[in-house]
Amino acid sequence: MKPITIFEDPWPEKKEEIPLESAAIAHVDLVEIFLKLVLLFSQDEDEEFDMQALAWSEWRYIAYIRFLDVYGVSPHDCPPPWDVAIIWYCHLLSPYHFHRHLWDNRHITYGLNHHHFPVSKMLDLYKSGKWTHKKTKKMWDRWNRKLPRTLVPKTPFVLWDSPPQEEKRRSSIFTSLLPSKKSTDRKREQPERIVNCYSTWCQISGKTQWDIEDYTDFRAGVRSESCLRYNDHKLRGGQCELMPWPTLHDLKDVLGRQVAFWKAALRARDSDPEFLSKENLDKARGDYERFIKLPGKPPKMKGAGAKVRVDMDALPARGVVEPRPRNREFVPLTLAIDLLWHTHRLYPANYWVWSFATAGRLIDYEHTSSAVGARLILEETRRAWKSRNGVQHPIKYAMDEPGMEAYIPDAAVVPPGHPARAKAMWVLGGMNPVRKRKRYSKGYYMVFDGVFVPFDGGGGGGDGGGGGGGDGGGCGGDGGGGGGGGGGE
């Protein structure tokens, strides 16, 4: 099996090739931090996720994606705040829906290449004790001071001021000196949370500012409201930017399943030193590739001679009914396979290209209905594995081992139709990826080997340069002008 690599920094023409196995090890370190932080989405350790906290961080995530577009930067340049990172992690697990979120909401200047999760940057922030990326915070604060204020989200960059162990240490020092506080007191101390629907693109009809209670009701489906662009979304089959998930309950379900996955991965790491060993992950990489092929088909090719490559743009001919696999869903056979699959999807451009090259299509995921349903699909997957590969399925770290009962794995599926809104070169590289939207920059950005997209920063004004599309509805002089491409500095 060929090595699988990923990158975090999208700008160099010769991008760093990080082995997927190394990224998986770092991924486990990251989710260990997430598990400490996820408690901050609830009032105490015994309660479920607080819906208002989820709504607030989901809104901040939407604003962060807009922020990247406005300034023409990548998450490697400007890593997200920690609550946003957790929400974004959940969204990246579906490359299909994440791509649609960008494209349907006019975040098309930059592509999936420019939206890889900065795992190493987040780990560095945590391990160094810095916690928050100061340059990003400064840019965010400057953006939020822009006038008119109706064009910015007006939300702070930092939601959680320090790592969880620091909070614990402080509380242990001062607990004996301070009077105890009820949960209602803690609630009262929280800063006011106002959702400022500032964009000229997606906003709720009626008013631009919503208190967190009403906005949560809207996102939870309790309050019936619609986007000003509802008719346009319906006509084009587009996804509203305010709804990365249909409702908050869907986000809550995704996050709950990921928490179970994080716990399973950490339990495997802590109980068996071999789980994250190079030998085990090398073997799991081959199993991962065979797993992704189960719902796939041989990839279509285009070009000739040395220029032949996988065709990621081909659509089925009109009237042709393609045969489907006998069972549409397949669950990872082992936790090691699942870890590599989770890790790979944090780098959507790498995953997109590899999925088409390996399975002839984009492999996405769907929730399995229940633990019983997951077990049934697991048995079907084992039979399909034996039929296709002629060998017994892998057994070590199997999904039905004792201790795995709390984790219900998702299933690999093929999304309906073609997943892309445009040709792969633009989906991955963007329409005009000028780094930092610098004016007067011009050239070609290498999307992947042998494929380039042109970029032209033009000469327009703005806070960071040039021309088109930023902020989902066009920010003009606010850093989102005509836009260009990515040669890098």
Protein backbone atom coordinates (compact mmCIF):
# COMPACT_ATOMS: atom_id res chain seq x y z
CA MET A 1 0.00 0.00 0.00
CA LYS A 2 1.24 3.49 -0.86
CA PRO A 3 1.94 5.93 1.97
CA ILE A 4 -0.86 8.36 2.81
CA THR A 5 0.22 11.90 3.64
CA ILE A 6 -1.44 15.14 4.69
CA PHE A 7 -0.39 18.79 4.97
CA GLU A 8 -1.38 21.67 7.24
CA ASP A 9 0.24 24.68 5.56
CA PRO A 10 -1.48 25.20 2.16
CA TRP A 11 0.74 27.94 0.76
CA PRO A 12 4.09 26.37 -0.29
CA GLU A 13 4.18 24.87 -3.75
CA LYS A 14 6.13 21.96 -2.27
CA LYS A 15 3.85 21.16 0.66
CA GLU A 16 5.10 19.23 3.66
CA GLU A 17 4.09 15.58 3.49
CA ILE A 18 3.12 14.43 6.97
CA PRO A 19 2.43 10.67 7.27
CA LEU A 20 -1.17 9.96 8.19
CA GLU A 21 0.08 7.73 11.01
CA SER A 22 1.96 10.67 12.59
CA ALA A 23 -1.13 12.86 12.22
CA ALA A 24 -3.20 10.16 13.94
CA ILE A 25 -0.89 10.14 16.97
CA ALA A 26 -1.13 13.94 17.22
CA HIS A 27 -4.90 13.64 16.75
CA VAL A 28 -5.18 11.48 19.88
CA ASP A 29 -3.19 14.07 21.85
CA LEU A 30 -5.59 16.75 20.62
CA VAL A 31 -8.77 14.92 21.57
CA GLU A 32 -7.37 14.38 25.05
CA ILE A 33 -7.46 18.18 25.38
CA PHE A 34 -10.92 18.31 23.81
CA LEU A 35 -12.23 15.89 26.42
CA LYS A 36 -11.15 18.28 29.16
CA LEU A 37 -12.73 21.23 27.38
CA VAL A 38 -16.00 19.65 26.33
CA LEU A 39 -17.18 19.82 29.95
CA LEU A 40 -17.29 23.58 29.48
CA PHE A 41 -20.23 23.09 27.11
CA SER A 42 -22.28 22.01 30.12
CA GLN A 43 -23.04 23.48 33.54
CA ASP A 44 -21.42 20.59 35.40
CA GLU A 45 -20.02 17.15 34.69
CA ASP A 46 -23.32 15.35 35.24
CA GLU A 47 -25.44 17.39 32.82
CA GLU A 48 -25.84 17.09 29.08
CA PHE A 49 -24.49 19.68 26.68
CA ASP A 50 -26.04 23.08 27.25
CA MET A 51 -27.93 24.06 24.09
CA GLN A 52 -27.19 27.77 24.47
CA ALA A 53 -23.47 27.05 24.75
CA LEU A 54 -23.62 24.94 21.58
CA ALA A 55 -25.60 27.61 19.72
CA TRP A 56 -23.10 30.30 20.73
CA SER A 57 -20.05 28.30 19.68
CA GLU A 58 -21.71 27.20 16.44
CA TRP A 59 -22.33 30.87 15.63
CA ARG A 60 -18.72 31.70 16.49
CA TYR A 61 -17.61 28.90 14.15
CA ILE A 62 -19.64 30.44 11.31
CA ALA A 63 -17.96 33.79 12.04
CA TYR A 64 -14.50 32.16 12.08
CA ILE A 65 -14.97 30.68 8.59
CA ARG A 66 -16.01 34.15 7.40
CA PHE A 67 -12.97 35.66 9.13
CA LEU A 68 -10.61 33.35 7.23
CA ASP A 69 -12.23 34.40 3.97
CA VAL A 70 -12.15 38.11 4.79
CA TYR A 71 -8.43 38.15 5.52
CA GLY A 72 -7.35 35.51 3.02
CA VAL A 73 -5.62 33.37 5.61
CA SER A 74 -5.65 29.68 6.46
CA PRO A 75 -6.18 28.02 9.86
CA HIS A 76 -2.46 27.26 9.80
CA ASP A 77 -1.87 31.04 9.80
CA CYS A 78 -4.68 31.84 12.23
CA PRO A 79 -5.78 28.85 14.35
CA PRO A 80 -9.28 29.03 15.86
CA PRO A 81 -10.28 29.54 19.49
CA TRP A 82 -10.79 26.27 21.33
CA ASP A 83 -14.58 26.13 21.40
CA VAL A 84 -14.68 26.87 17.68
CA ALA A 85 -12.07 24.16 17.07
CA ILE A 86 -14.36 21.53 18.62
CA ILE A 87 -17.35 22.59 16.52
CA TRP A 88 -15.25 22.73 13.36
CA TYR A 89 -13.80 19.29 14.09
CA CYS A 90 -17.33 17.90 14.06
CA HIS A 91 -18.16 19.66 10.78
CA LEU A 92 -15.03 18.46 8.98
CA LEU A 93 -16.02 14.84 9.51
CA SER A 94 -18.34 15.27 6.52
CA PRO A 95 -16.24 16.58 3.61
CA TYR A 96 -19.42 16.61 1.52
CA HIS A 97 -21.29 19.00 3.82
CA PHE A 98 -18.25 21.10 4.67
CA HIS A 99 -17.56 21.74 0.98
CA ARG A 100 -21.23 22.66 0.46
CA HIS A 101 -21.09 25.02 3.43
CA LEU A 102 -18.21 26.90 1.80
CA TRP A 103 -19.47 26.87 -1.76
CA ASP A 104 -23.16 27.55 -1.14
CA ASN A 105 -22.25 30.59 0.95
CA ARG A 106 -19.81 32.16 -1.50
CA HIS A 107 -16.65 31.27 0.38
CA ILE A 108 -15.16 30.20 -2.94
CA THR A 109 -12.04 32.35 -3.23
CA TYR A 110 -10.18 29.73 -1.20
CA GLY A 111 -10.65 25.98 -1.38
CA LEU A 112 -10.47 22.89 0.79
CA ASN A 113 -6.66 23.13 0.64
CA HIS A 114 -6.97 26.29 2.71
CA HIS A 115 -9.24 24.75 5.35
CA HIS A 116 -7.17 21.98 6.91
CA PHE A 117 -7.39 21.54 10.65
CA PRO A 118 -4.23 22.93 12.32
CA VAL A 119 -3.65 20.06 14.74
CA SER A 120 0.03 20.81 15.30
CA LYS A 121 -0.63 24.53 15.87
CA MET A 122 -3.35 23.77 18.43
CA LEU A 123 -1.09 21.33 20.26
CA ASP A 124 1.74 23.88 20.28
CA LEU A 125 -0.55 26.52 21.78
CA TYR A 126 -1.60 24.13 24.52
CA LYS A 127 1.81 22.69 25.34
CA SER A 128 3.53 26.09 25.32
CA GLY A 129 0.99 27.53 27.74
CA LYS A 130 0.09 30.32 25.31
CA TRP A 131 -3.42 28.88 24.83
CA THR A 132 -4.51 31.66 22.45
CA HIS A 133 -2.86 32.68 19.17
CA LYS A 134 -2.14 36.36 19.83
CA LYS A 135 -1.82 37.42 16.19
CA THR A 136 -5.18 35.88 15.33
CA LYS A 137 -6.82 37.48 18.35
CA LYS A 138 -5.43 40.86 17.34
CA MET A 139 -6.76 40.48 13.79
CA TRP A 140 -10.14 39.28 15.11
CA ASP A 141 -10.42 42.22 17.51
CA ARG A 142 -9.51 44.66 14.74
CA TRP A 143 -12.15 43.09 12.49
CA ASN A 144 -14.78 43.42 15.23
CA ARG A 145 -14.02 47.13 15.62
CA LYS A 146 -14.82 47.83 11.97
CA LEU A 147 -17.54 50.29 11.09
CA PRO A 148 -20.37 49.97 10.40
CA ARG A 149 -20.73 47.49 13.24
CA THR A 150 -23.51 45.76 11.30
CA LEU A 151 -20.78 44.19 9.13
CA VAL A 152 -18.99 42.31 11.92
CA PRO A 153 -20.08 39.55 14.34
CA LYS A 154 -19.21 41.45 17.55
CA THR A 155 -18.16 38.32 19.42
CA PRO A 156 -14.95 38.00 21.46
CA PHE A 157 -12.20 35.79 20.10
CA VAL A 158 -11.43 34.08 23.40
CA LEU A 159 -14.28 32.28 25.13
CA TRP A 160 -12.24 30.11 27.51
CA ASP A 161 -9.40 32.18 28.95
CA SER A 162 -7.04 29.42 30.05
CA PRO A 163 -6.38 25.68 29.89
CA PRO A 164 -8.65 23.60 32.11
CA GLN A 165 -5.86 22.51 34.45
CA GLU A 166 -5.07 26.19 35.19
CA GLU A 167 -8.68 26.83 36.11
CA LYS A 168 -8.59 23.80 38.39
CA ARG A 169 -5.36 24.98 40.01
CA ARG A 170 -6.72 28.47 40.60
CA SER A 171 -9.91 27.14 42.11
CA SER A 172 -7.99 24.84 44.44
CA ILE A 173 -5.94 27.79 45.70
CA PHE A 174 -8.79 30.21 46.24
CA THR A 175 -11.72 27.92 47.06
CA SER A 176 -11.14 28.19 50.79
CA LEU A 177 -10.99 31.99 50.59
CA LEU A 178 -14.07 32.62 48.48
CA PRO A 179 -17.72 32.01 49.30
CA SER A 180 -19.35 29.20 47.32
CA LYS A 181 -21.41 30.24 44.33
CA LYS A 182 -24.52 28.64 42.96
CA SER A 183 -24.77 27.74 39.31
CA THR A 184 -27.20 30.61 38.85
CA ASP A 185 -24.52 33.02 40.05
CA ARG A 186 -22.04 31.59 37.56
CA LYS A 187 -24.60 32.02 34.80
CA ARG A 188 -25.11 35.65 35.77
CA GLU A 189 -21.39 36.33 35.51
CA GLN A 190 -21.21 35.23 31.88
CA PRO A 191 -20.77 38.07 29.39
CA GLU A 192 -23.80 39.00 27.36
CA ARG A 193 -24.10 36.77 24.31
CA ILE A 194 -25.68 38.53 21.34
CA VAL A 195 -25.79 36.97 17.87
CA ASN A 196 -25.23 39.78 15.39
CA CYS A 197 -26.37 38.54 11.97
CA TYR A 198 -24.19 41.04 10.18
CA SER A 199 -23.76 39.47 6.76
CA THR A 200 -25.58 40.67 3.68
CA TRP A 201 -25.81 37.01 2.71
CA CYS A 202 -27.41 34.72 5.32
CA GLN A 203 -29.32 36.23 8.21
CA ILE A 204 -32.59 35.53 9.96
CA SER A 205 -35.51 37.56 8.69
CA GLY A 206 -36.99 40.13 11.02
CA LYS A 207 -33.98 41.55 12.85
CA THR A 208 -30.20 41.44 12.83
CA GLN A 209 -29.51 41.04 16.56
CA TRP A 210 -30.68 38.07 18.60
CA ASP A 211 -30.16 37.28 22.25
CA ILE A 212 -28.79 33.82 22.80
CA GLU A 213 -32.08 32.44 24.17
CA ASP A 214 -34.07 33.33 21.03
CA TYR A 215 -31.25 32.29 18.70
CA THR A 216 -30.99 28.93 20.46
CA ASP A 217 -34.73 28.42 20.02
CA PHE A 218 -34.30 29.15 16.30
CA ARG A 219 -31.44 26.67 15.92
CA ALA A 220 -33.18 24.03 18.03
CA GLY A 221 -36.30 24.23 15.86
CA VAL A 222 -38.44 25.61 18.67
CA ARG A 223 -38.81 29.01 17.04
CA SER A 224 -39.93 29.08 13.42
CA GLU A 225 -37.78 31.56 11.52
CA SER A 226 -36.25 31.54 8.07
CA CYS A 227 -33.20 32.95 6.35
CA LEU A 228 -33.64 36.02 4.17
CA ARG A 229 -32.16 33.90 1.37
CA TYR A 230 -34.53 30.99 1.92
CA ASN A 231 -36.04 31.12 -1.58
CA ASP A 232 -32.60 31.30 -3.17
CA HIS A 233 -31.39 28.34 -1.09
CA LYS A 234 -34.45 26.35 -2.11
CA LEU A 235 -34.09 27.24 -5.78
CA ARG A 236 -30.41 26.29 -5.92
CA GLY A 237 -30.55 23.42 -3.46
CA GLY A 238 -28.10 25.35 -1.30
CA GLN A 239 -27.23 25.06 2.36
CA CYS A 240 -27.93 28.05 4.62
CA GLU A 241 -24.77 29.35 6.26
CA LEU A 242 -26.52 29.66 9.61
CA MET A 243 -27.28 25.93 9.57
CA PRO A 244 -24.09 23.83 9.36
CA TRP A 245 -26.39 21.15 10.81
CA PRO A 246 -30.16 21.06 10.28
CA THR A 247 -30.73 21.76 13.98
CA LEU A 248 -28.72 22.03 17.18
CA HIS A 249 -29.93 18.56 18.11
CA ASP A 250 -27.95 17.18 15.17
CA LEU A 251 -24.81 18.98 16.35
CA LYS A 252 -25.40 17.70 19.87
CA ASP A 253 -25.69 14.14 18.53
CA VAL A 254 -22.49 14.46 16.48
CA LEU A 255 -20.56 15.89 19.42
CA GLY A 256 -21.86 13.19 21.75
CA ARG A 257 -20.67 10.47 19.39
CA GLN A 258 -17.29 12.11 19.02
CA VAL A 259 -16.87 12.27 22.79
CA ALA A 260 -17.46 8.51 22.88
CA PHE A 261 -14.89 8.05 20.09
CA TRP A 262 -12.33 10.22 21.90
CA LYS A 263 -12.77 8.19 25.09
CA ALA A 264 -12.41 4.92 23.17
CA ALA A 265 -9.21 6.11 21.45
CA LEU A 266 -7.67 7.30 24.72
CA ARG A 267 -8.65 4.10 26.51
CA ALA A 268 -6.97 2.06 23.76
CA ARG A 269 -3.84 4.22 23.92
CA ASP A 270 -3.57 4.04 27.68
CA SER A 271 -4.30 0.32 27.98
CA ASP A 272 -2.12 -0.88 25.10
CA PRO A 273 1.14 0.86 24.11
CA GLU A 274 0.99 -0.96 20.78
CA PHE A 275 -2.19 0.82 19.69
CA LEU A 276 -0.34 3.92 18.45
CA SER A 277 2.85 2.09 17.48
CA LYS A 278 4.27 2.57 13.99
CA GLU A 279 3.89 -1.14 13.25
CA ASN A 280 0.22 -1.21 14.21
CA LEU A 281 -0.67 2.01 12.36
CA ASP A 282 1.23 0.88 9.25
CA LYS A 283 -0.86 -2.29 9.19
CA ALA A 284 -4.03 -0.34 9.94
CA ARG A 285 -3.29 1.97 6.99
CA GLY A 286 -3.60 -0.97 4.59
CA ASP A 287 -6.81 -2.08 6.30
CA TYR A 288 -8.11 1.50 6.11
CA GLU A 289 -7.55 1.61 2.36
CA ARG A 290 -9.32 -1.73 1.88
CA PHE A 291 -12.19 -0.47 4.04
CA ILE A 292 -12.69 2.70 1.97
CA LYS A 293 -12.79 0.59 -1.19
CA LEU A 294 -15.79 -1.40 0.05
CA PRO A 295 -18.42 1.19 -1.00
CA GLY A 296 -16.25 2.33 -3.92
CA LYS A 297 -15.53 1.34 -7.48
CA PRO A 298 -12.47 1.56 -9.77
CA PRO A 299 -11.57 5.25 -10.26
CA LYS A 300 -12.12 6.85 -13.65
CA MET A 301 -9.01 8.20 -15.33
CA LYS A 302 -8.40 11.03 -17.79
CA GLY A 303 -5.44 12.25 -19.79
CA ALA A 304 -2.82 10.19 -21.54
CA GLY A 305 0.73 9.02 -21.00
CA ALA A 306 2.54 10.70 -18.13
CA LYS A 307 -0.39 13.11 -17.63
CA VAL A 308 -3.01 10.48 -16.84
CA ARG A 309 -4.76 11.15 -13.52
CA VAL A 310 -7.91 10.33 -11.62
CA ASP A 311 -10.99 12.09 -12.99
CA MET A 312 -12.71 13.69 -10.01
CA ASP A 313 -15.13 15.65 -12.19
CA ALA A 314 -16.82 12.87 -14.17
CA LEU A 315 -20.57 12.59 -13.82
CA PRO A 316 -22.51 9.44 -14.75
CA ALA A 317 -23.86 9.58 -18.29
CA ARG A 318 -27.50 10.60 -18.51
CA GLY A 319 -29.78 7.59 -18.23
CA VAL A 320 -27.05 5.23 -17.02
CA VAL A 321 -27.93 3.43 -13.81
CA GLU A 322 -24.77 2.44 -11.99
CA PRO A 323 -24.82 -0.76 -9.92
CA ARG A 324 -24.73 -0.19 -6.19
CA PRO A 325 -22.99 -2.38 -3.65
CA ARG A 326 -25.31 -4.90 -1.98
CA ASN A 327 -25.22 -3.01 1.29
CA ARG A 328 -24.80 0.75 1.15
CA GLU A 329 -23.28 1.28 4.60
CA PHE A 330 -20.03 -0.07 6.03
CA VAL A 331 -18.65 0.57 9.50
CA PRO A 332 -14.93 0.53 10.35
CA LEU A 333 -13.93 -2.95 11.44
CA THR A 334 -11.44 -1.78 14.05
CA LEU A 335 -10.79 1.27 16.18
CA ALA A 336 -7.42 1.73 14.45
CA ILE A 337 -9.14 1.98 11.05
CA ASP A 338 -11.66 4.41 12.52
CA LEU A 339 -8.86 6.55 14.00
CA LEU A 340 -7.15 6.86 10.60
CA TRP A 341 -10.48 7.65 8.93
CA HIS A 342 -11.31 10.34 11.50
CA THR A 343 -7.82 11.81 11.18
CA HIS A 344 -7.82 11.87 7.38
CA ARG A 345 -11.07 13.84 7.20
CA LEU A 346 -9.53 16.67 9.25
CA TYR A 347 -7.56 17.44 6.06
CA PRO A 348 -10.42 17.62 3.54
CA ALA A 349 -8.40 18.33 0.39
CA ASN A 350 -6.03 15.42 1.03
CA TYR A 351 -8.97 13.18 1.84
CA TRP A 352 -10.96 14.29 -1.22
CA VAL A 353 -8.15 13.45 -3.67
CA TRP A 354 -7.26 10.19 -1.94
CA SER A 355 -10.88 9.04 -1.70
CA PHE A 356 -11.44 9.53 -5.43
CA ALA A 357 -8.13 7.83 -6.25
CA THR A 358 -8.87 4.90 -3.95
CA ALA A 359 -12.63 4.43 -4.18
CA GLY A 360 -13.52 6.29 -7.38
CA ARG A 361 -15.80 8.62 -5.44
CA LEU A 362 -16.02 10.68 -2.27
CA ILE A 363 -16.75 8.49 0.76
CA ASP A 364 -18.68 10.40 3.41
CA TYR A 365 -20.39 9.21 6.59
CA GLU A 366 -23.82 8.74 8.12
CA HIS A 367 -24.82 7.99 11.68
CA THR A 368 -25.75 4.40 12.37
CA SER A 369 -29.21 4.26 13.90
CA SER A 370 -28.26 2.49 17.13
CA ALA A 371 -25.80 0.12 18.76
CA VAL A 372 -27.83 -2.82 17.47
CA GLY A 373 -27.88 -1.35 13.96
CA ALA A 374 -24.12 -0.75 14.08
CA ARG A 375 -23.51 -4.39 15.06
CA LEU A 376 -25.63 -5.62 12.15
CA ILE A 377 -23.73 -3.39 9.71
CA LEU A 378 -20.45 -4.58 11.25
CA GLU A 379 -21.35 -8.19 10.43
CA GLU A 380 -22.31 -7.19 6.88
CA THR A 381 -19.02 -5.31 6.55
CA ARG A 382 -17.08 -8.39 7.65
CA ARG A 383 -18.82 -10.52 5.05
CA ALA A 384 -18.17 -7.92 2.35
CA TRP A 385 -14.51 -7.71 3.42
CA LYS A 386 -14.06 -11.50 3.13
CA SER A 387 -15.83 -11.58 -0.24
CA ARG A 388 -13.83 -8.72 -1.72
CA ASN A 389 -10.39 -9.37 -0.24
CA GLY A 390 -10.44 -13.14 0.16
CA VAL A 391 -8.97 -12.89 3.66
CA GLN A 392 -10.29 -12.80 7.18
CA HIS A 393 -11.18 -9.38 8.54
CA PRO A 394 -8.80 -7.77 11.07
CA ILE A 395 -9.57 -8.76 14.64
CA LYS A 396 -7.34 -6.68 16.92
CA TYR A 397 -9.13 -3.60 18.32
CA ALA A 398 -12.40 -4.83 16.77
CA MET A 399 -15.44 -2.63 17.24
CA ASP A 400 -17.30 -5.30 19.21
CA GLU A 401 -14.51 -5.98 21.70
CA PRO A 402 -15.41 -5.71 25.41
CA GLY A 403 -15.16 -2.09 26.53
CA MET A 404 -16.40 -0.64 23.22
CA GLU A 405 -20.10 -0.75 24.12
CA ALA A 406 -20.38 3.02 24.72
CA TYR A 407 -19.11 3.92 21.25
CA ILE A 408 -21.41 3.64 18.23
CA PRO A 409 -19.32 4.06 15.06
CA ASP A 410 -20.53 5.95 12.02
CA ALA A 411 -20.93 4.25 8.66
CA ALA A 412 -19.07 4.99 5.43
CA VAL A 413 -21.49 5.90 2.63
CA VAL A 414 -21.51 7.41 -0.84
CA PRO A 415 -23.35 10.77 -0.96
CA PRO A 416 -26.11 11.01 -3.57
CA GLY A 417 -25.15 12.53 -6.93
CA HIS A 418 -21.83 14.22 -7.47
CA PRO A 419 -20.46 15.78 -4.27
CA ALA A 420 -18.84 18.85 -5.82
CA ARG A 421 -20.34 22.22 -6.73
CA ALA A 422 -17.51 22.88 -9.22
CA LYS A 423 -14.49 21.24 -10.82
CA ALA A 424 -12.08 19.63 -8.39
CA MET A 425 -9.32 22.15 -9.13
CA TRP A 426 -11.55 24.94 -7.77
CA VAL A 427 -13.12 22.91 -4.98
CA LEU A 428 -9.63 22.19 -3.68
CA GLY A 429 -7.64 25.25 -4.72
CA GLY A 430 -10.26 28.00 -4.72
CA MET A 431 -11.31 30.37 -7.47
CA ASN A 432 -8.69 33.04 -6.78
CA PRO A 433 -6.58 32.13 -3.74
CA VAL A 434 -4.50 35.24 -3.09
CA ARG A 435 -2.68 34.82 0.20
CA LYS A 436 -3.78 37.54 2.64
CA ARG A 437 -5.67 39.10 -0.30
CA LYS A 438 -2.55 41.04 -1.22
CA ARG A 439 -2.94 43.53 -4.02
CA TYR A 440 -0.79 43.33 -7.12
CA SER A 441 0.08 39.67 -6.50
CA LYS A 442 -0.34 37.42 -9.49
CA GLY A 443 0.64 33.90 -10.42
CA TYR A 444 -0.43 30.27 -10.12
CA TYR A 445 -1.30 28.23 -7.06
CA MET A 446 -0.48 24.52 -7.14
CA VAL A 447 -3.55 22.61 -6.03
CA PHE A 448 -1.93 19.19 -6.25
CA ASP A 449 0.70 17.59 -8.47
CA GLY A 450 0.47 19.08 -11.95
CA VAL A 451 -2.74 21.03 -11.34
CA PHE A 452 -2.64 24.82 -10.92
CA VAL A 453 -5.21 27.60 -10.60
CA PRO A 454 -4.35 31.20 -11.53
CA PHE A 455 -4.64 33.99 -9.01
CA ASP A 456 -4.68 37.75 -9.43
CA GLY A 457 -4.89 40.15 -6.50
CA GLY A 458 -5.72 43.09 -8.72
CA GLY A 459 -5.19 46.61 -7.46
CA GLY A 460 -8.32 47.22 -5.40
CA GLY A 461 -8.27 48.73 -1.93
CA GLY A 462 -9.13 47.09 1.30
CA ASP A 463 -7.81 45.99 4.62
CA GLY A 464 -5.54 43.28 3.32
CA GLY A 465 -6.22 43.56 -0.36
CA GLY A 466 -8.09 42.89 -3.26
CA GLY A 467 -11.30 41.81 -4.74
CA GLY A 468 -13.98 39.20 -4.58
CA GLY A 469 -16.34 37.55 -2.50
CA GLY A 470 -15.22 37.68 1.12
CA ASP A 471 -17.61 37.33 4.02
CA GLY A 472 -20.18 35.40 2.13
CA GLY A 473 -21.75 38.52 0.72
CA GLY A 474 -18.84 40.73 -0.22
CA CYS A 475 -17.01 42.83 2.34
CA GLY A 476 -15.48 45.28 -0.06
CA GLY A 477 -12.96 47.41 1.77
CA ASP A 478 -13.25 45.22 4.84
CA GLY A 479 -10.67 42.82 3.53
CA GLY A 480 -12.97 40.85 1.27
CA GLY A 481 -12.45 42.42 -2.09
CA GLY A 482 -11.80 40.92 -5.46
CA GLY A 483 -9.46 38.33 -4.32
CA GLY A 484 -6.74 36.42 -5.91
CA GLY A 485 -4.51 33.52 -5.58
CA GLY A 486 -2.11 31.88 -3.39
CA GLY A 487 1.47 32.02 -4.28
CA GLY A 488 2.43 32.65 -0.74
CA GLU A 489 5.13 34.82 0.63
